[in-house]
Amino acid sequence: MNLPDSVKTYFDADQSSDAEALVGAFSETAVVHDEGATYQGLEPIRRWWLEAKQKYGHTAQPISAANDGEGISVLATVSGNFPNSPKQLRFRFVVEQGKIAQLEIGA
């Protein structure tokens, strides 16, 4: 699967629970939308991810990706401590200048 380096870093860091590498894939002004909440900037994104890891113990494994011209949509199998695990979720990334500028996670 051909993914931009920052998106590959995001999933690799998620698999290895490496918060520093994961946050390093984002731009300083990045925005994440997940579970009805919005997180903007590196420190809020770090806290969001660490809290989600602690709560769900999840990992996301990409299974397909498509470029829609404005971003890349990755379908991933997410496993963890939540009802109906594992579940397929869509991760939509907008990458600018080699960094993740936006991420939206949904069904």
N, C-alpha and C. Protein backbone atom coordinates (compact mmCIF):
# COMPACT_ATOMS: atom_id res chain seq x y z
N MET A 1 0.85 -1.17 0.00
CA MET A 1 0.00 0.00 0.00
C MET A 1 0.90 1.24 0.00
N ASN A 2 0.60 2.15 -0.89
CA ASN A 2 1.41 3.36 -1.03
C ASN A 2 0.82 4.50 -0.19
N LEU A 3 1.47 4.80 0.94
CA LEU A 3 1.01 5.85 1.84
C LEU A 3 2.07 6.95 1.93
N PRO A 4 1.65 8.21 2.07
CA PRO A 4 2.64 9.26 2.35
C PRO A 4 3.42 8.91 3.61
N ASP A 5 4.68 9.35 3.68
CA ASP A 5 5.53 9.01 4.81
C ASP A 5 4.89 9.36 6.15
N SER A 6 4.28 10.53 6.26
CA SER A 6 3.69 10.94 7.55
C SER A 6 2.53 10.03 7.95
N VAL A 7 1.75 9.56 6.98
CA VAL A 7 0.63 8.66 7.27
C VAL A 7 1.17 7.29 7.69
N LYS A 8 2.19 6.82 6.99
CA LYS A 8 2.83 5.56 7.37
C LYS A 8 3.40 5.67 8.79
N THR A 9 4.05 6.80 9.09
CA THR A 9 4.58 7.02 10.43
C THR A 9 3.48 6.98 11.48
N TYR A 10 2.33 7.59 11.16
CA TYR A 10 1.18 7.59 12.09
C TYR A 10 0.80 6.15 12.46
N PHE A 11 0.60 5.29 11.46
CA PHE A 11 0.18 3.92 11.73
C PHE A 11 1.29 3.09 12.38
N ASP A 12 2.54 3.28 11.97
CA ASP A 12 3.66 2.57 12.59
C ASP A 12 3.78 2.96 14.07
N ALA A 13 3.65 4.26 14.36
CA ALA A 13 3.76 4.74 15.74
C ALA A 13 2.59 4.23 16.57
N ASP A 14 1.41 4.15 15.96
CA ASP A 14 0.25 3.62 16.68
C ASP A 14 0.49 2.16 17.05
N GLN A 15 1.02 1.38 16.13
CA GLN A 15 1.30 -0.04 16.39
C GLN A 15 2.31 -0.22 17.52
N SER A 16 3.32 0.66 17.57
CA SER A 16 4.38 0.51 18.57
C SER A 16 4.15 1.38 19.82
N SER A 17 3.00 2.06 19.87
CA SER A 17 2.65 2.95 20.99
C SER A 17 3.72 4.01 21.23
N ASP A 18 4.22 4.59 20.15
CA ASP A 18 5.27 5.60 20.22
C ASP A 18 4.66 6.99 20.03
N ALA A 19 4.31 7.63 21.15
CA ALA A 19 3.64 8.94 21.10
C ALA A 19 4.51 10.00 20.43
N GLU A 20 5.81 9.97 20.68
CA GLU A 20 6.69 11.00 20.10
C GLU A 20 6.72 10.90 18.58
N ALA A 21 6.85 9.68 18.05
CA ALA A 21 6.86 9.50 16.60
C ALA A 21 5.51 9.88 16.00
N LEU A 22 4.43 9.49 16.67
CA LEU A 22 3.10 9.79 16.16
C LEU A 22 2.89 11.30 16.08
N VAL A 23 3.17 12.02 17.14
CA VAL A 23 2.98 13.47 17.15
C VAL A 23 3.91 14.13 16.14
N GLY A 24 5.09 13.57 15.93
CA GLY A 24 6.04 14.11 14.96
C GLY A 24 5.54 14.04 13.52
N ALA A 25 4.53 13.24 13.26
CA ALA A 25 3.97 13.13 11.91
C ALA A 25 3.02 14.29 11.59
N PHE A 26 2.61 15.06 12.62
CA PHE A 26 1.65 16.15 12.45
C PHE A 26 2.34 17.51 12.34
N SER A 27 1.70 18.42 11.61
CA SER A 27 2.17 19.81 11.57
C SER A 27 1.81 20.48 12.90
N GLU A 28 2.44 21.58 13.20
CA GLU A 28 2.20 22.28 14.47
C GLU A 28 0.77 22.76 14.63
N THR A 29 0.10 23.03 13.52
CA THR A 29 -1.27 23.54 13.58
C THR A 29 -2.30 22.49 13.18
N ALA A 30 -1.91 21.23 13.20
CA ALA A 30 -2.79 20.14 12.76
C ALA A 30 -4.08 20.10 13.57
N VAL A 31 -5.12 19.52 12.94
CA VAL A 31 -6.42 19.36 13.57
C VAL A 31 -6.84 17.90 13.43
N VAL A 32 -7.31 17.33 14.55
CA VAL A 32 -7.85 15.96 14.56
C VAL A 32 -9.31 16.03 14.98
N HIS A 33 -10.17 15.31 14.24
CA HIS A 33 -11.58 15.15 14.59
C HIS A 33 -11.80 13.68 14.89
N ASP A 34 -12.25 13.38 16.11
CA ASP A 34 -12.49 11.98 16.50
C ASP A 34 -13.57 11.95 17.57
N GLU A 35 -14.50 11.03 17.46
CA GLU A 35 -15.56 10.83 18.44
C GLU A 35 -16.28 12.13 18.80
N GLY A 36 -16.54 12.97 17.81
CA GLY A 36 -17.30 14.20 18.02
C GLY A 36 -16.51 15.34 18.64
N ALA A 37 -15.22 15.17 18.84
CA ALA A 37 -14.39 16.22 19.44
C ALA A 37 -13.31 16.65 18.45
N THR A 38 -12.79 17.86 18.66
CA THR A 38 -11.74 18.41 17.81
C THR A 38 -10.54 18.76 18.68
N TYR A 39 -9.35 18.43 18.17
CA TYR A 39 -8.09 18.68 18.87
C TYR A 39 -7.19 19.42 17.90
N GLN A 40 -6.67 20.59 18.30
CA GLN A 40 -5.81 21.36 17.41
C GLN A 40 -4.49 21.67 18.10
N GLY A 41 -3.41 21.40 17.38
CA GLY A 41 -2.07 21.63 17.91
C GLY A 41 -1.46 20.35 18.44
N LEU A 42 -0.14 20.36 18.56
CA LEU A 42 0.58 19.13 18.91
C LEU A 42 0.27 18.61 20.32
N GLU A 43 0.21 19.48 21.30
CA GLU A 43 -0.02 19.00 22.67
C GLU A 43 -1.43 18.45 22.85
N PRO A 44 -2.48 19.12 22.35
CA PRO A 44 -3.81 18.50 22.42
C PRO A 44 -3.90 17.18 21.66
N ILE A 45 -3.21 17.07 20.53
CA ILE A 45 -3.22 15.82 19.77
C ILE A 45 -2.51 14.72 20.57
N ARG A 46 -1.41 15.06 21.21
CA ARG A 46 -0.68 14.08 22.05
C ARG A 46 -1.61 13.58 23.17
N ARG A 47 -2.26 14.52 23.87
CA ARG A 47 -3.16 14.13 24.97
C ARG A 47 -4.31 13.27 24.47
N TRP A 48 -4.92 13.65 23.33
CA TRP A 48 -6.02 12.86 22.75
C TRP A 48 -5.58 11.42 22.50
N TRP A 49 -4.42 11.27 21.85
CA TRP A 49 -3.96 9.95 21.49
C TRP A 49 -3.60 9.11 22.73
N LEU A 50 -2.89 9.71 23.68
CA LEU A 50 -2.51 8.99 24.90
C LEU A 50 -3.73 8.57 25.71
N GLU A 51 -4.72 9.46 25.82
CA GLU A 51 -5.94 9.13 26.55
C GLU A 51 -6.71 8.02 25.84
N ALA A 52 -6.77 8.06 24.51
CA ALA A 52 -7.46 7.01 23.75
C ALA A 52 -6.72 5.68 23.91
N LYS A 53 -5.39 5.71 23.88
CA LYS A 53 -4.61 4.48 24.06
C LYS A 53 -4.87 3.88 25.43
N GLN A 54 -4.90 4.74 26.45
CA GLN A 54 -5.13 4.25 27.81
C GLN A 54 -6.54 3.69 27.94
N LYS A 55 -7.52 4.36 27.37
CA LYS A 55 -8.92 3.94 27.49
C LYS A 55 -9.22 2.68 26.69
N TYR A 56 -8.73 2.62 25.44
CA TYR A 56 -9.12 1.53 24.54
C TYR A 56 -8.02 0.50 24.28
N GLY A 57 -6.76 0.84 24.52
CA GLY A 57 -5.67 -0.07 24.22
C GLY A 57 -5.68 -0.50 22.76
N HIS A 58 -6.01 0.40 21.89
CA HIS A 58 -6.27 0.08 20.49
C HIS A 58 -5.01 0.07 19.62
N THR A 59 -5.14 -0.62 18.50
CA THR A 59 -4.17 -0.54 17.41
C THR A 59 -4.97 -0.49 16.11
N ALA A 60 -4.42 0.21 15.14
CA ALA A 60 -5.07 0.35 13.83
C ALA A 60 -4.15 -0.23 12.76
N GLN A 61 -4.71 -1.13 11.97
CA GLN A 61 -3.95 -1.78 10.89
C GLN A 61 -4.58 -1.39 9.55
N PRO A 62 -3.86 -0.59 8.73
CA PRO A 62 -4.43 -0.18 7.43
C PRO A 62 -4.66 -1.38 6.53
N ILE A 63 -5.80 -1.37 5.81
CA ILE A 63 -6.09 -2.46 4.88
C ILE A 63 -6.28 -1.95 3.45
N SER A 64 -6.60 -0.67 3.28
CA SER A 64 -6.70 -0.10 1.93
C SER A 64 -6.57 1.41 2.03
N ALA A 65 -6.20 2.03 0.90
CA ALA A 65 -6.05 3.48 0.87
C ALA A 65 -6.45 3.99 -0.50
N ALA A 66 -7.02 5.20 -0.51
CA ALA A 66 -7.40 5.84 -1.77
C ALA A 66 -7.16 7.33 -1.66
N ASN A 67 -6.60 7.91 -2.72
CA ASN A 67 -6.37 9.35 -2.77
C ASN A 67 -7.57 9.98 -3.46
N ASP A 68 -8.21 10.97 -2.79
CA ASP A 68 -9.39 11.60 -3.38
C ASP A 68 -9.07 12.96 -4.02
N GLY A 69 -7.77 13.25 -4.17
CA GLY A 69 -7.36 14.51 -4.77
C GLY A 69 -7.10 15.59 -3.75
N GLU A 70 -7.79 15.55 -2.63
CA GLU A 70 -7.58 16.53 -1.55
C GLU A 70 -6.98 15.89 -0.31
N GLY A 71 -7.08 14.59 -0.23
CA GLY A 71 -6.57 13.87 0.93
C GLY A 71 -6.48 12.40 0.63
N ILE A 72 -6.08 11.65 1.63
CA ILE A 72 -5.99 10.21 1.48
C ILE A 72 -6.89 9.57 2.53
N SER A 73 -7.71 8.64 2.07
CA SER A 73 -8.64 7.95 2.94
C SER A 73 -8.12 6.53 3.15
N VAL A 74 -7.90 6.17 4.40
CA VAL A 74 -7.36 4.85 4.74
C VAL A 74 -8.40 4.08 5.54
N LEU A 75 -8.75 2.91 5.05
CA LEU A 75 -9.62 2.00 5.80
C LEU A 75 -8.71 1.13 6.65
N ALA A 76 -8.99 1.08 7.95
CA ALA A 76 -8.14 0.31 8.87
C ALA A 76 -8.99 -0.54 9.79
N THR A 77 -8.45 -1.67 10.16
CA THR A 77 -9.07 -2.51 11.18
C THR A 77 -8.52 -2.06 12.52
N VAL A 78 -9.42 -1.63 13.40
CA VAL A 78 -9.03 -1.14 14.72
C VAL A 78 -9.47 -2.18 15.75
N SER A 79 -8.51 -2.63 16.54
CA SER A 79 -8.76 -3.61 17.60
C SER A 79 -8.43 -2.98 18.94
N GLY A 80 -9.19 -3.34 19.96
CA GLY A 80 -8.91 -2.81 21.28
C GLY A 80 -9.99 -3.20 22.27
N ASN A 81 -10.01 -2.50 23.38
CA ASN A 81 -10.96 -2.76 24.46
C ASN A 81 -12.19 -1.88 24.30
N PHE A 82 -13.02 -2.20 23.32
CA PHE A 82 -14.27 -1.47 23.08
C PHE A 82 -15.27 -2.44 22.46
N PRO A 83 -16.58 -2.15 22.58
CA PRO A 83 -17.59 -3.04 22.02
C PRO A 83 -17.40 -3.25 20.53
N ASN A 84 -17.68 -4.46 20.08
CA ASN A 84 -17.61 -4.85 18.66
C ASN A 84 -16.19 -4.81 18.08
N SER A 85 -15.18 -4.92 18.93
CA SER A 85 -13.81 -4.96 18.44
C SER A 85 -13.55 -6.33 17.83
N PRO A 86 -12.84 -6.41 16.72
CA PRO A 86 -12.29 -5.32 15.92
C PRO A 86 -13.36 -4.68 15.03
N LYS A 87 -13.07 -3.44 14.63
CA LYS A 87 -14.00 -2.67 13.83
C LYS A 87 -13.23 -1.96 12.72
N GLN A 88 -13.85 -1.83 11.56
CA GLN A 88 -13.21 -1.08 10.49
C GLN A 88 -13.60 0.39 10.59
N LEU A 89 -12.60 1.25 10.59
CA LEU A 89 -12.81 2.70 10.65
C LEU A 89 -12.07 3.35 9.49
N ARG A 90 -12.59 4.50 9.07
CA ARG A 90 -11.96 5.27 8.00
C ARG A 90 -11.16 6.42 8.64
N PHE A 91 -9.92 6.54 8.22
CA PHE A 91 -9.02 7.61 8.65
C PHE A 91 -8.78 8.48 7.42
N ARG A 92 -9.22 9.74 7.45
CA ARG A 92 -9.02 10.62 6.30
C ARG A 92 -7.96 11.65 6.67
N PHE A 93 -6.86 11.63 5.94
CA PHE A 93 -5.72 12.49 6.19
C PHE A 93 -5.61 13.56 5.11
N VAL A 94 -5.28 14.76 5.51
CA VAL A 94 -4.83 15.80 4.59
C VAL A 94 -3.38 16.07 4.96
N VAL A 95 -2.50 15.90 3.97
CA VAL A 95 -1.07 16.07 4.20
C VAL A 95 -0.62 17.32 3.46
N GLU A 96 0.09 18.19 4.18
CA GLU A 96 0.64 19.41 3.60
C GLU A 96 2.11 19.52 3.98
N GLN A 97 2.94 19.73 2.99
CA GLN A 97 4.38 19.87 3.18
C GLN A 97 4.96 18.71 4.00
N GLY A 98 4.47 17.51 3.70
CA GLY A 98 5.02 16.31 4.31
C GLY A 98 4.52 15.98 5.70
N LYS A 99 3.63 16.79 6.25
CA LYS A 99 3.10 16.56 7.60
C LYS A 99 1.58 16.43 7.54
N ILE A 100 1.01 15.71 8.50
CA ILE A 100 -0.44 15.59 8.59
C ILE A 100 -0.99 16.93 9.08
N ALA A 101 -1.85 17.55 8.27
CA ALA A 101 -2.48 18.82 8.64
C ALA A 101 -3.87 18.59 9.22
N GLN A 102 -4.53 17.53 8.75
CA GLN A 102 -5.87 17.20 9.24
C GLN A 102 -6.04 15.69 9.28
N LEU A 103 -6.76 15.24 10.30
CA LEU A 103 -7.13 13.83 10.40
C LEU A 103 -8.54 13.76 10.92
N GLU A 104 -9.38 13.02 10.21
CA GLU A 104 -10.74 12.76 10.67
C GLU A 104 -10.94 11.25 10.73
N ILE A 105 -11.41 10.77 11.88
CA ILE A 105 -11.61 9.34 12.09
C ILE A 105 -13.09 9.09 12.25
N GLY A 106 -13.61 8.12 11.48
CA GLY A 106 -15.02 7.79 11.56
C GLY A 106 -15.31 6.43 10.98
N ALA A 107 -16.58 6.05 11.06
CA ALA A 107 -17.01 4.74 10.56
C ALA A 107 -17.09 4.74 9.05
